[in-house]
Amino acid sequence: MIQVFVPYLGPSLNSIYAGVHWATCKKHVDAAHKATQIAARGLEPITCPVHLTLQPVLGKGKRRLDCSNYGYTLKLIEDGLVRSGLLKDDTPDYVVSVQTLAPIRDPKRGSGV
């Protein structure tokens, strides 16, 4: 099993539904892709099908959300893994499942984004 910690936490899906300007969405995408590229640096590309698991790591003062609200973060990181070259694609041939675990707290390692 390969574990990659990506220090990025996007907005909740609730805030996306509320209507966010495209420029704000692009800012989120760029930040997630940059964090993923840094996290994937030095790793060999993964060529077999993968199961992606997101477990949000929250820094001090960050509110825990229900698991489904981290869907946007998972999608941005999945796309970032492809963009970084760690995954060839995010189609079902390469990503066979995704899951989100309940968030945990780690003030030293968590994201406050």
PDB file of N, CA and C in Angstrom:
ATOM      1  N   MET A   1       0.849  -1.179   0.000  1.00  0.00           N
ATOM      2  CA  MET A   1       0.000   0.000   0.000  1.00  0.00           C
ATOM      3  C   MET A   1       0.893   1.241   0.000  1.00  0.00           C
ATOM      4  N   ILE A   2       0.536   2.216  -0.806  1.00  0.00           N
ATOM      5  CA  ILE A   2       1.244   3.485  -0.865  1.00  0.00           C
ATOM      6  C   ILE A   2       0.366   4.543  -0.225  1.00  0.00           C
ATOM      7  N   GLN A   3       0.923   5.322   0.698  1.00  0.00           N
ATOM      8  CA  GLN A   3       0.193   6.430   1.304  1.00  0.00           C
ATOM      9  C   GLN A   3       0.868   7.731   0.928  1.00  0.00           C
ATOM     10  N   VAL A   4       0.055   8.687   0.509  1.00  0.00           N
ATOM     11  CA  VAL A   4       0.554  10.011   0.147  1.00  0.00           C
ATOM     12  C   VAL A   4      -0.233  11.030   0.944  1.00  0.00           C
ATOM     13  N   PHE A   5       0.444  11.836   1.747  1.00  0.00           N
ATOM     14  CA  PHE A   5      -0.230  12.902   2.494  1.00  0.00           C
ATOM     15  C   PHE A   5      -0.184  14.171   1.662  1.00  0.00           C
ATOM     16  N   VAL A   6      -1.355  14.703   1.319  1.00  0.00           N
ATOM     17  CA  VAL A   6      -1.459  15.941   0.556  1.00  0.00           C
ATOM     18  C   VAL A   6      -1.984  17.013   1.506  1.00  0.00           C
ATOM     19  N   PRO A   7      -1.177  18.014   1.822  1.00  0.00           N
ATOM     20  CA  PRO A   7      -1.590  19.043   2.785  1.00  0.00           C
ATOM     21  C   PRO A   7      -2.529  20.067   2.162  1.00  0.00           C
ATOM     22  N   TYR A   8      -3.723  19.609   1.814  1.00  0.00           N
ATOM     23  CA  TYR A   8      -4.714  20.495   1.216  1.00  0.00           C
ATOM     24  C   TYR A   8      -6.089  20.050   1.677  1.00  0.00           C
ATOM     25  N   LEU A   9      -6.929  20.998   2.005  1.00  0.00           N
ATOM     26  CA  LEU A   9      -8.311  20.722   2.354  1.00  0.00           C
ATOM     27  C   LEU A   9      -9.167  21.784   1.693  1.00  0.00           C
ATOM     28  N   GLY A  10      -9.992  21.375   0.748  1.00  0.00           N
ATOM     29  CA  GLY A  10     -10.831  22.309   0.004  1.00  0.00           C
ATOM     30  C   GLY A  10     -12.063  22.708   0.782  1.00  0.00           C
ATOM     31  N   PRO A  11     -12.885  23.536   0.163  1.00  0.00           N
ATOM     32  CA  PRO A  11     -14.112  23.966   0.832  1.00  0.00           C
ATOM     33  C   PRO A  11     -15.127  22.834   0.903  1.00  0.00           C
ATOM     34  N   SER A  12     -16.074  22.968   1.778  1.00  0.00           N
ATOM     35  CA  SER A  12     -17.136  21.982   1.915  1.00  0.00           C
ATOM     36  C   SER A  12     -18.045  22.023   0.693  1.00  0.00           C
ATOM     37  N   LEU A  13     -18.647  20.891   0.386  1.00  0.00           N
ATOM     38  CA  LEU A  13     -19.600  20.866  -0.731  1.00  0.00           C
ATOM     39  C   LEU A  13     -20.756  21.821  -0.478  1.00  0.00           C
ATOM     40  N   ASN A  14     -21.097  22.047   0.782  1.00  0.00           N
ATOM     41  CA  ASN A  14     -22.172  22.996   1.081  1.00  0.00           C
ATOM     42  C   ASN A  14     -21.858  24.370   0.511  1.00  0.00           C
ATOM     43  N   SER A  15     -20.601  24.796   0.615  1.00  0.00           N
ATOM     44  CA  SER A  15     -20.254  26.122   0.099  1.00  0.00           C
ATOM     45  C   SER A  15     -20.235  26.146  -1.424  1.00  0.00           C
ATOM     46  N   ILE A  16     -19.958  25.019  -2.054  1.00  0.00           N
ATOM     47  CA  ILE A  16     -19.989  24.944  -3.522  1.00  0.00           C
ATOM     48  C   ILE A  16     -21.427  25.098  -3.998  1.00  0.00           C
ATOM     49  N   TYR A  17     -22.351  24.413  -3.333  1.00  0.00           N
ATOM     50  CA  TYR A  17     -23.762  24.517  -3.711  1.00  0.00           C
ATOM     51  C   TYR A  17     -24.279  25.939  -3.554  1.00  0.00           C
ATOM     52  N   ALA A  18     -23.688  26.682  -2.638  1.00  0.00           N
ATOM     53  CA  ALA A  18     -24.147  28.044  -2.393  1.00  0.00           C
ATOM     54  C   ALA A  18     -23.774  28.967  -3.547  1.00  0.00           C
ATOM     55  N   GLY A  19     -22.943  28.506  -4.466  1.00  0.00           N
ATOM     56  CA  GLY A  19     -22.567  29.307  -5.622  1.00  0.00           C
ATOM     57  C   GLY A  19     -21.273  30.049  -5.388  1.00  0.00           C
ATOM     58  N   VAL A  20     -20.235  29.578  -6.016  1.00  0.00           N
ATOM     59  CA  VAL A  20     -18.917  30.176  -5.873  1.00  0.00           C
ATOM     60  C   VAL A  20     -18.474  30.673  -7.248  1.00  0.00           C
ATOM     61  N   HIS A  21     -17.879  31.831  -7.287  1.00  0.00           N
ATOM     62  CA  HIS A  21     -17.396  32.412  -8.535  1.00  0.00           C
ATOM     63  C   HIS A  21     -16.335  31.501  -9.158  1.00  0.00           C
ATOM     64  N   TRP A  22     -16.284  31.429 -10.483  1.00  0.00           N
ATOM     65  CA  TRP A  22     -15.349  30.539 -11.167  1.00  0.00           C
ATOM     66  C   TRP A  22     -13.895  30.822 -10.783  1.00  0.00           C
ATOM     67  N   ALA A  23     -13.564  32.071 -10.537  1.00  0.00           N
ATOM     68  CA  ALA A  23     -12.180  32.416 -10.184  1.00  0.00           C
ATOM     69  C   ALA A  23     -11.801  31.811  -8.832  1.00  0.00           C
ATOM     70  N   THR A  24     -12.748  31.752  -7.920  1.00  0.00           N
ATOM     71  CA  THR A  24     -12.498  31.127  -6.616  1.00  0.00           C
ATOM     72  C   THR A  24     -12.303  29.627  -6.798  1.00  0.00           C
ATOM     73  N   CYS A  25     -13.130  29.008  -7.640  1.00  0.00           N
ATOM     74  CA  CYS A  25     -12.981  27.575  -7.919  1.00  0.00           C
ATOM     75  C   CYS A  25     -11.613  27.286  -8.530  1.00  0.00           C
ATOM     76  N   LYS A  26     -11.169  28.136  -9.456  1.00  0.00           N
ATOM     77  CA  LYS A  26      -9.856  27.945 -10.082  1.00  0.00           C
ATOM     78  C   LYS A  26      -8.747  28.050  -9.043  1.00  0.00           C
ATOM     79  N   LYS A  27      -8.905  28.959  -8.100  1.00  0.00           N
ATOM     80  CA  LYS A  27      -7.919  29.103  -7.027  1.00  0.00           C
ATOM     81  C   LYS A  27      -7.820  27.806  -6.220  1.00  0.00           C
ATOM     82  N   HIS A  28      -8.970  27.186  -5.927  1.00  0.00           N
ATOM     83  CA  HIS A  28      -8.990  25.915  -5.202  1.00  0.00           C
ATOM     84  C   HIS A  28      -8.291  24.830  -6.010  1.00  0.00           C
ATOM     85  N   VAL A  29      -8.614  24.753  -7.306  1.00  0.00           N
ATOM     86  CA  VAL A  29      -8.015  23.739  -8.174  1.00  0.00           C
ATOM     87  C   VAL A  29      -6.498  23.907  -8.205  1.00  0.00           C
ATOM     88  N   ASP A  30      -6.034  25.113  -8.425  1.00  0.00           N
ATOM     89  CA  ASP A  30      -4.592  25.367  -8.499  1.00  0.00           C
ATOM     90  C   ASP A  30      -3.891  25.010  -7.188  1.00  0.00           C
ATOM     91  N   ALA A  31      -4.487  25.358  -6.055  1.00  0.00           N
ATOM     92  CA  ALA A  31      -3.883  25.061  -4.753  1.00  0.00           C
ATOM     93  C   ALA A  31      -3.816  23.548  -4.515  1.00  0.00           C
ATOM     94  N   ALA A  32      -4.893  22.835  -4.861  1.00  0.00           N
ATOM     95  CA  ALA A  32      -4.918  21.384  -4.673  1.00  0.00           C
ATOM     96  C   ALA A  32      -3.905  20.701  -5.574  1.00  0.00           C
ATOM     97  N   HIS A  33      -3.827  21.129  -6.821  1.00  0.00           N
ATOM     98  CA  HIS A  33      -2.884  20.504  -7.752  1.00  0.00           C
ATOM     99  C   HIS A  33      -1.437  20.768  -7.329  1.00  0.00           C
ATOM    100  N   LYS A  34      -1.153  21.961  -6.849  1.00  0.00           N
ATOM    101  CA  LYS A  34       0.201  22.280  -6.391  1.00  0.00           C
ATOM    102  C   LYS A  34       0.576  21.421  -5.183  1.00  0.00           C
ATOM    103  N   ALA A  35      -0.324  21.326  -4.204  1.00  0.00           N
ATOM    104  CA  ALA A  35      -0.060  20.516  -3.009  1.00  0.00           C
ATOM    105  C   ALA A  35       0.131  19.048  -3.381  1.00  0.00           C
ATOM    106  N   THR A  36      -0.674  18.552  -4.325  1.00  0.00           N
ATOM    107  CA  THR A  36      -0.564  17.158  -4.748  1.00  0.00           C
ATOM    108  C   THR A  36       0.741  16.917  -5.488  1.00  0.00           C
ATOM    109  N   GLN A  37       1.120  17.853  -6.341  1.00  0.00           N
ATOM    110  CA  GLN A  37       2.370  17.714  -7.081  1.00  0.00           C
ATOM    111  C   GLN A  37       3.563  17.651  -6.121  1.00  0.00           C
ATOM    112  N   ILE A  38       3.549  18.470  -5.110  1.00  0.00           N
ATOM    113  CA  ILE A  38       4.633  18.458  -4.113  1.00  0.00           C
ATOM    114  C   ILE A  38       4.639  17.125  -3.355  1.00  0.00           C
ATOM    115  N   ALA A  39       3.459  16.648  -2.965  1.00  0.00           N
ATOM    116  CA  ALA A  39       3.362  15.391  -2.215  1.00  0.00           C
ATOM    117  C   ALA A  39       3.800  14.193  -3.062  1.00  0.00           C
ATOM    118  N   ALA A  40       3.570  14.248  -4.371  1.00  0.00           N
ATOM    119  CA  ALA A  40       3.887  13.126  -5.259  1.00  0.00           C
ATOM    120  C   ALA A  40       5.332  13.147  -5.745  1.00  0.00           C
ATOM    121  N   ARG A  41       6.038  14.221  -5.468  1.00  0.00           N
ATOM    122  CA  ARG A  41       7.417  14.376  -5.946  1.00  0.00           C
ATOM    123  C   ARG A  41       8.275  13.189  -5.494  1.00  0.00           C
ATOM    124  N   GLY A  42       8.990  12.620  -6.443  1.00  0.00           N
ATOM    125  CA  GLY A  42       9.907  11.523  -6.141  1.00  0.00           C
ATOM    126  C   GLY A  42       9.270  10.145  -6.127  1.00  0.00           C
ATOM    127  N   LEU A  43       7.950  10.060  -6.267  1.00  0.00           N
ATOM    128  CA  LEU A  43       7.277   8.761  -6.286  1.00  0.00           C
ATOM    129  C   LEU A  43       7.168   8.252  -7.721  1.00  0.00           C
ATOM    130  N   GLU A  44       7.268   6.955  -7.874  1.00  0.00           N
ATOM    131  CA  GLU A  44       7.123   6.345  -9.195  1.00  0.00           C
ATOM    132  C   GLU A  44       5.650   6.338  -9.606  1.00  0.00           C
ATOM    133  N   PRO A  45       5.368   6.514 -10.898  1.00  0.00           N
ATOM    134  CA  PRO A  45       3.975   6.453 -11.350  1.00  0.00           C
ATOM    135  C   PRO A  45       3.332   5.113 -10.981  1.00  0.00           C
ATOM    136  N   ILE A  46       2.062   5.165 -10.629  1.00  0.00           N
ATOM    137  CA  ILE A  46       1.307   3.970 -10.254  1.00  0.00           C
ATOM    138  C   ILE A  46       0.599   3.473 -11.499  1.00  0.00           C
ATOM    139  N   THR A  47       0.838   2.217 -11.865  1.00  0.00           N
ATOM    140  CA  THR A  47       0.296   1.692 -13.120  1.00  0.00           C
ATOM    141  C   THR A  47      -0.857   0.713 -12.915  1.00  0.00           C
ATOM    142  N   CYS A  48      -1.065   0.250 -11.693  1.00  0.00           N
ATOM    143  CA  CYS A  48      -2.164  -0.690 -11.437  1.00  0.00           C
ATOM    144  C   CYS A  48      -3.399   0.088 -10.972  1.00  0.00           C
ATOM    145  N   PRO A  49      -4.589  -0.517 -11.058  1.00  0.00           N
ATOM    146  CA  PRO A  49      -5.792   0.152 -10.556  1.00  0.00           C
ATOM    147  C   PRO A  49      -5.655   0.460  -9.055  1.00  0.00           C
ATOM    148  N   VAL A  50      -6.223   1.592  -8.635  1.00  0.00           N
ATOM    149  CA  VAL A  50      -6.103   2.012  -7.243  1.00  0.00           C
ATOM    150  C   VAL A  50      -7.467   2.232  -6.600  1.00  0.00           C
ATOM    151  N   HIS A  51      -7.467   2.172  -5.287  1.00  0.00           N
ATOM    152  CA  HIS A  51      -8.594   2.560  -4.446  1.00  0.00           C
ATOM    153  C   HIS A  51      -8.116   3.807  -3.713  1.00  0.00           C
ATOM    154  N   LEU A  52      -8.776   4.940  -3.927  1.00  0.00           N
ATOM    155  CA  LEU A  52      -8.375   6.177  -3.261  1.00  0.00           C
ATOM    156  C   LEU A  52      -9.147   6.343  -1.958  1.00  0.00           C
ATOM    157  N   THR A  53      -8.432   6.648  -0.897  1.00  0.00           N
ATOM    158  CA  THR A  53      -9.050   6.903   0.400  1.00  0.00           C
ATOM    159  C   THR A  53      -8.587   8.261   0.892  1.00  0.00           C
ATOM    160  N   LEU A  54      -9.541   9.100   1.225  1.00  0.00           N
ATOM    161  CA  LEU A  54      -9.242  10.414   1.794  1.00  0.00           C
ATOM    162  C   LEU A  54      -9.603  10.375   3.271  1.00  0.00           C
ATOM    163  N   GLN A  55      -8.649  10.736   4.110  1.00  0.00           N
ATOM    164  CA  GLN A  55      -8.947  10.959   5.520  1.00  0.00           C
ATOM    165  C   GLN A  55      -8.454  12.358   5.851  1.00  0.00           C
ATOM    166  N   PRO A  56      -9.378  13.317   5.910  1.00  0.00           N
ATOM    167  CA  PRO A  56      -8.978  14.691   6.207  1.00  0.00           C
ATOM    168  C   PRO A  56      -8.257  14.781   7.543  1.00  0.00           C
ATOM    169  N   VAL A  57      -7.158  15.534   7.549  1.00  0.00           N
ATOM    170  CA  VAL A  57      -6.399  15.790   8.774  1.00  0.00           C
ATOM    171  C   VAL A  57      -6.564  17.272   9.065  1.00  0.00           C
ATOM    172  N   LEU A  58      -7.238  17.572  10.160  1.00  0.00           N
ATOM    173  CA  LEU A  58      -7.603  18.946  10.473  1.00  0.00           C
ATOM    174  C   LEU A  58      -6.643  19.578  11.464  1.00  0.00           C
ATOM    175  N   GLY A  59      -6.271  20.804  11.180  1.00  0.00           N
ATOM    176  CA  GLY A  59      -5.445  21.579  12.092  1.00  0.00           C
ATOM    177  C   GLY A  59      -6.302  22.221  13.171  1.00  0.00           C
ATOM    178  N   LYS A  60      -5.649  22.928  14.037  1.00  0.00           N
ATOM    179  CA  LYS A  60      -6.316  23.594  15.153  1.00  0.00           C
ATOM    180  C   LYS A  60      -7.382  24.569  14.642  1.00  0.00           C
ATOM    181  N   GLY A  61      -8.552  24.495  15.237  1.00  0.00           N
ATOM    182  CA  GLY A  61      -9.619  25.432  14.920  1.00  0.00           C
ATOM    183  C   GLY A  61     -10.436  25.093  13.686  1.00  0.00           C
ATOM    184  N   LYS A  62     -10.097  24.024  12.981  1.00  0.00           N
ATOM    185  CA  LYS A  62     -10.849  23.638  11.784  1.00  0.00           C
ATOM    186  C   LYS A  62     -11.996  22.729  12.192  1.00  0.00           C
ATOM    187  N   ARG A  63     -13.211  23.080  11.774  1.00  0.00           N
ATOM    188  CA  ARG A  63     -14.410  22.339  12.164  1.00  0.00           C
ATOM    189  C   ARG A  63     -14.522  21.026  11.393  1.00  0.00           C
ATOM    190  N   ARG A  64     -14.896  19.965  12.089  1.00  0.00           N
ATOM    191  CA  ARG A  64     -15.138  18.660  11.450  1.00  0.00           C
ATOM    192  C   ARG A  64     -16.441  18.714  10.674  1.00  0.00           C
ATOM    193  N   LEU A  65     -16.403  18.241   9.450  1.00  0.00           N
ATOM    194  CA  LEU A  65     -17.592  18.178   8.608  1.00  0.00           C
ATOM    195  C   LEU A  65     -17.993  16.721   8.421  1.00  0.00           C
ATOM    196  N   ASP A  66     -19.231  16.485   7.956  1.00  0.00           N
ATOM    197  CA  ASP A  66     -19.617  15.130   7.630  1.00  0.00           C
ATOM    198  C   ASP A  66     -18.825  14.688   6.394  1.00  0.00           C
ATOM    199  N   CYS A  67     -18.581  13.397   6.294  1.00  0.00           N
ATOM    200  CA  CYS A  67     -17.669  12.853   5.287  1.00  0.00           C
ATOM    201  C   CYS A  67     -18.006  13.296   3.863  1.00  0.00           C
ATOM    202  N   SER A  68     -19.282  13.353   3.522  1.00  0.00           N
ATOM    203  CA  SER A  68     -19.647  13.699   2.144  1.00  0.00           C
ATOM    204  C   SER A  68     -19.248  15.117   1.768  1.00  0.00           C
ATOM    205  N   ASN A  69     -19.067  15.992   2.744  1.00  0.00           N
ATOM    206  CA  ASN A  69     -18.678  17.362   2.447  1.00  0.00           C
ATOM    207  C   ASN A  69     -17.224  17.496   1.985  1.00  0.00           C
ATOM    208  N   TYR A  70     -16.452  16.430   2.077  1.00  0.00           N
ATOM    209  CA  TYR A  70     -15.070  16.469   1.607  1.00  0.00           C
ATOM    210  C   TYR A  70     -14.937  15.963   0.172  1.00  0.00           C
ATOM    211  N   GLY A  71     -16.068  15.728  -0.498  1.00  0.00           N
ATOM    212  CA  GLY A  71     -16.046  15.214  -1.870  1.00  0.00           C
ATOM    213  C   GLY A  71     -15.290  16.098  -2.840  1.00  0.00           C
ATOM    214  N   TYR A  72     -15.412  17.399  -2.692  1.00  0.00           N
ATOM    215  CA  TYR A  72     -14.718  18.344  -3.569  1.00  0.00           C
ATOM    216  C   TYR A  72     -13.204  18.218  -3.384  1.00  0.00           C
ATOM    217  N   THR A  73     -12.763  18.104  -2.145  1.00  0.00           N
ATOM    218  CA  THR A  73     -11.333  17.921  -1.870  1.00  0.00           C
ATOM    219  C   THR A  73     -10.830  16.642  -2.515  1.00  0.00           C
ATOM    220  N   LEU A  74     -11.591  15.556  -2.367  1.00  0.00           N
ATOM    221  CA  LEU A  74     -11.190  14.275  -2.951  1.00  0.00           C
ATOM    222  C   LEU A  74     -11.048  14.394  -4.468  1.00  0.00           C
ATOM    223  N   LYS A  75     -11.999  15.027  -5.121  1.00  0.00           N
ATOM    224  CA  LYS A  75     -11.945  15.183  -6.578  1.00  0.00           C
ATOM    225  C   LYS A  75     -10.746  16.032  -6.995  1.00  0.00           C
ATOM    226  N   LEU A  76     -10.491  17.126  -6.286  1.00  0.00           N
ATOM    227  CA  LEU A  76      -9.350  17.979  -6.630  1.00  0.00           C
ATOM    228  C   LEU A  76      -8.021  17.234  -6.459  1.00  0.00           C
ATOM    229  N   ILE A  77      -7.905  16.443  -5.402  1.00  0.00           N
ATOM    230  CA  ILE A  77      -6.677  15.681  -5.182  1.00  0.00           C
ATOM    231  C   ILE A  77      -6.549  14.569  -6.220  1.00  0.00           C
ATOM    232  N   GLU A  78      -7.648  13.900  -6.535  1.00  0.00           N
ATOM    233  CA  GLU A  78      -7.620  12.862  -7.575  1.00  0.00           C
ATOM    234  C   GLU A  78      -7.122  13.455  -8.896  1.00  0.00           C
ATOM    235  N   ASP A  79      -7.673  14.589  -9.293  1.00  0.00           N
ATOM    236  CA  ASP A  79      -7.224  15.255 -10.513  1.00  0.00           C
ATOM    237  C   ASP A  79      -5.756  15.680 -10.403  1.00  0.00           C
ATOM    238  N   GLY A  80      -5.343  16.117  -9.215  1.00  0.00           N
ATOM    239  CA  GLY A  80      -3.958  16.499  -8.995  1.00  0.00           C
ATOM    240  C   GLY A  80      -3.002  15.320  -9.121  1.00  0.00           C
ATOM    241  N   LEU A  81      -3.430  14.133  -8.688  1.00  0.00           N
ATOM    242  CA  LEU A  81      -2.605  12.935  -8.826  1.00  0.00           C
ATOM    243  C   LEU A  81      -2.375  12.608 -10.299  1.00  0.00           C
ATOM    244  N   VAL A  82      -3.400  12.827 -11.112  1.00  0.00           N
ATOM    245  CA  VAL A  82      -3.260  12.624 -12.563  1.00  0.00           C
ATOM    246  C   VAL A  82      -2.344  13.698 -13.144  1.00  0.00           C
ATOM    247  N   ARG A  83      -2.603  14.936 -12.794  1.00  0.00           N
ATOM    248  CA  ARG A  83      -1.805  16.047 -13.336  1.00  0.00           C
ATOM    249  C   ARG A  83      -0.327  15.934 -12.960  1.00  0.00           C
ATOM    250  N   SER A  84      -0.054  15.404 -11.764  1.00  0.00           N
ATOM    251  CA  SER A  84       1.338  15.251 -11.316  1.00  0.00           C
ATOM    252  C   SER A  84       2.032  14.075 -11.987  1.00  0.00           C
ATOM    253  N   GLY A  85       1.267  13.198 -12.647  1.00  0.00           N
ATOM    254  CA  GLY A  85       1.848  12.031 -13.298  1.00  0.00           C
ATOM    255  C   GLY A  85       1.900  10.799 -12.419  1.00  0.00           C
ATOM    256  N   LEU A  86       1.457  10.903 -11.174  1.00  0.00           N
ATOM    257  CA  LEU A  86       1.477   9.737 -10.291  1.00  0.00           C
ATOM    258  C   LEU A  86       0.450   8.705 -10.753  1.00  0.00           C
ATOM    259  N   LEU A  87      -0.710   9.171 -11.207  1.00  0.00           N
ATOM    260  CA  LEU A  87      -1.718   8.297 -11.822  1.00  0.00           C
ATOM    261  C   LEU A  87      -1.823   8.633 -13.300  1.00  0.00           C
ATOM    262  N   LYS A  88      -2.011   7.596 -14.128  1.00  0.00           N
ATOM    263  CA  LYS A  88      -2.125   7.835 -15.571  1.00  0.00           C
ATOM    264  C   LYS A  88      -3.428   8.549 -15.905  1.00  0.00           C
ATOM    265  N   ASP A  89      -4.510   8.177 -15.211  1.00  0.00           N
ATOM    266  CA  ASP A  89      -5.826   8.742 -15.496  1.00  0.00           C
ATOM    267  C   ASP A  89      -6.713   8.506 -14.280  1.00  0.00           C
ATOM    268  N   ASP A  90      -7.882   9.145 -14.270  1.00  0.00           N
ATOM    269  CA  ASP A  90      -8.814   8.906 -13.169  1.00  0.00           C
ATOM    270  C   ASP A  90     -10.085   8.208 -13.648  1.00  0.00           C
ATOM    271  N   THR A  91     -10.002   7.552 -14.794  1.00  0.00           N
ATOM    272  CA  THR A  91     -11.124   6.769 -15.298  1.00  0.00           C
ATOM    273  C   THR A  91     -11.252   5.486 -14.473  1.00  0.00           C
ATOM    274  N   PRO A  92     -12.377   4.769 -14.597  1.00  0.00           N
ATOM    275  CA  PRO A  92     -12.551   3.529 -13.835  1.00  0.00           C
ATOM    276  C   PRO A  92     -11.502   2.450 -14.126  1.00  0.00           C
ATOM    277  N   ASP A  93     -10.781   2.559 -15.233  1.00  0.00           N
ATOM    278  CA  ASP A  93      -9.698   1.607 -15.495  1.00  0.00           C
ATOM    279  C   ASP A  93      -8.542   1.801 -14.521  1.00  0.00           C
ATOM    280  N   TYR A  94      -8.396   3.000 -13.975  1.00  0.00           N
ATOM    281  CA  TYR A  94      -7.272   3.322 -13.096  1.00  0.00           C
ATOM    282  C   TYR A  94      -7.690   3.584 -11.653  1.00  0.00           C
ATOM    283  N   VAL A  95      -8.854   4.188 -11.445  1.00  0.00           N
ATOM    284  CA  VAL A  95      -9.374   4.439 -10.095  1.00  0.00           C
ATOM    285  C   VAL A  95     -10.669   3.647  -9.971  1.00  0.00           C
ATOM    286  N   VAL A  96     -10.593   2.554  -9.204  1.00  0.00           N
ATOM    287  CA  VAL A  96     -11.745   1.649  -9.128  1.00  0.00           C
ATOM    288  C   VAL A  96     -12.689   1.965  -7.977  1.00  0.00           C
ATOM    289  N   SER A  97     -12.224   2.757  -7.009  1.00  0.00           N
ATOM    290  CA  SER A  97     -13.117   3.177  -5.932  1.00  0.00           C
ATOM    291  C   SER A  97     -12.528   4.381  -5.212  1.00  0.00           C
ATOM    292  N   VAL A  98     -13.405   5.119  -4.566  1.00  0.00           N
ATOM    293  CA  VAL A  98     -12.992   6.230  -3.712  1.00  0.00           C
ATOM    294  C   VAL A  98     -13.807   6.151  -2.423  1.00  0.00           C
ATOM    295  N   GLN A  99     -13.178   6.544  -1.334  1.00  0.00           N
ATOM    296  CA  GLN A  99     -13.907   6.595  -0.067  1.00  0.00           C
ATOM    297  C   GLN A  99     -13.353   7.732   0.771  1.00  0.00           C
ATOM    298  N   THR A 100     -14.193   8.243   1.638  1.00  0.00           N
ATOM    299  CA  THR A 100     -13.781   9.294   2.549  1.00  0.00           C
ATOM    300  C   THR A 100     -14.002   8.812   3.975  1.00  0.00           C
ATOM    301  N   LEU A 101     -12.947   8.822   4.762  1.00  0.00           N
ATOM    302  CA  LEU A 101     -13.025   8.450   6.171  1.00  0.00           C
ATOM    303  C   LEU A 101     -13.310   9.691   7.007  1.00  0.00           C
ATOM    304  N   ALA A 102     -13.786   9.478   8.205  1.00  0.00           N
ATOM    305  CA  ALA A 102     -14.050  10.591   9.117  1.00  0.00           C
ATOM    306  C   ALA A 102     -12.766  11.364   9.378  1.00  0.00           C
ATOM    307  N   PRO A 103     -12.867  12.682   9.485  1.00  0.00           N
ATOM    308  CA  PRO A 103     -11.666  13.488   9.717  1.00  0.00           C
ATOM    309  C   PRO A 103     -11.060  13.232  11.088  1.00  0.00           C
ATOM    310  N   ILE A 104      -9.744  13.412  11.143  1.00  0.00           N
ATOM    311  CA  ILE A 104      -9.017  13.317  12.405  1.00  0.00           C
ATOM    312  C   ILE A 104      -8.321  14.654  12.653  1.00  0.00           C
ATOM    313  N   ARG A 105      -7.887  14.854  13.873  1.00  0.00           N
ATOM    314  CA  ARG A 105      -7.229  16.100  14.246  1.00  0.00           C
ATOM    315  C   ARG A 105      -5.737  15.869  14.474  1.00  0.00           C
ATOM    316  N   ASP A 106      -4.922  16.737  13.893  1.00  0.00           N
ATOM    317  CA  ASP A 106      -3.487  16.747  14.142  1.00  0.00           C
ATOM    318  C   ASP A 106      -3.003  18.179  13.923  1.00  0.00           C
ATOM    319  N   PRO A 107      -2.899  18.953  14.996  1.00  0.00           N
ATOM    320  CA  PRO A 107      -2.533  20.376  14.873  1.00  0.00           C
ATOM    321  C   PRO A 107      -1.185  20.611  14.194  1.00  0.00           C
ATOM    322  N   LYS A 108      -0.281  19.612  14.243  1.00  0.00           N
ATOM    323  CA  LYS A 108       1.041  19.785  13.646  1.00  0.00           C
ATOM    324  C   LYS A 108       1.052  19.499  12.153  1.00  0.00           C
ATOM    325  N   ARG A 109       0.143  18.655  11.703  1.00  0.00           N
ATOM    326  CA  ARG A 109       0.183  18.191  10.324  1.00  0.00           C
ATOM    327  C   ARG A 109      -1.056  18.586   9.543  1.00  0.00           C
ATOM    328  N   GLY A 110      -2.102  18.968  10.221  1.00  0.00           N
ATOM    329  CA  GLY A 110      -3.380  19.211   9.567  1.00  0.00           C
ATOM    330  C   GLY A 110      -3.412  20.469   8.733  1.00  0.00           C
ATOM    331  N   SER A 111      -4.431  20.512   7.889  1.00  0.00           N
ATOM    332  CA  SER A 111      -4.639  21.661   7.029  1.00  0.00           C
ATOM    333  C   SER A 111      -5.616  22.614   7.691  1.00  0.00           C
ATOM    334  N   GLY A 112      -5.317  23.868   7.617  1.00  0.00           N
ATOM    335  CA  GLY A 112      -6.221  24.879   8.128  1.00  0.00           C
ATOM    336  C   GLY A 112      -6.914  25.612   6.993  1.00  0.00           C
ATOM    337  N   VAL A 113      -6.691  25.129   5.757  1.00  0.00           N
ATOM    338  CA  VAL A 113      -7.233  25.776   4.556  1.00  0.00           C
ATOM    339  C   VAL A 113      -8.738  25.613   4.522  1.00  0.00           C
TER     340      VAL A 113
END
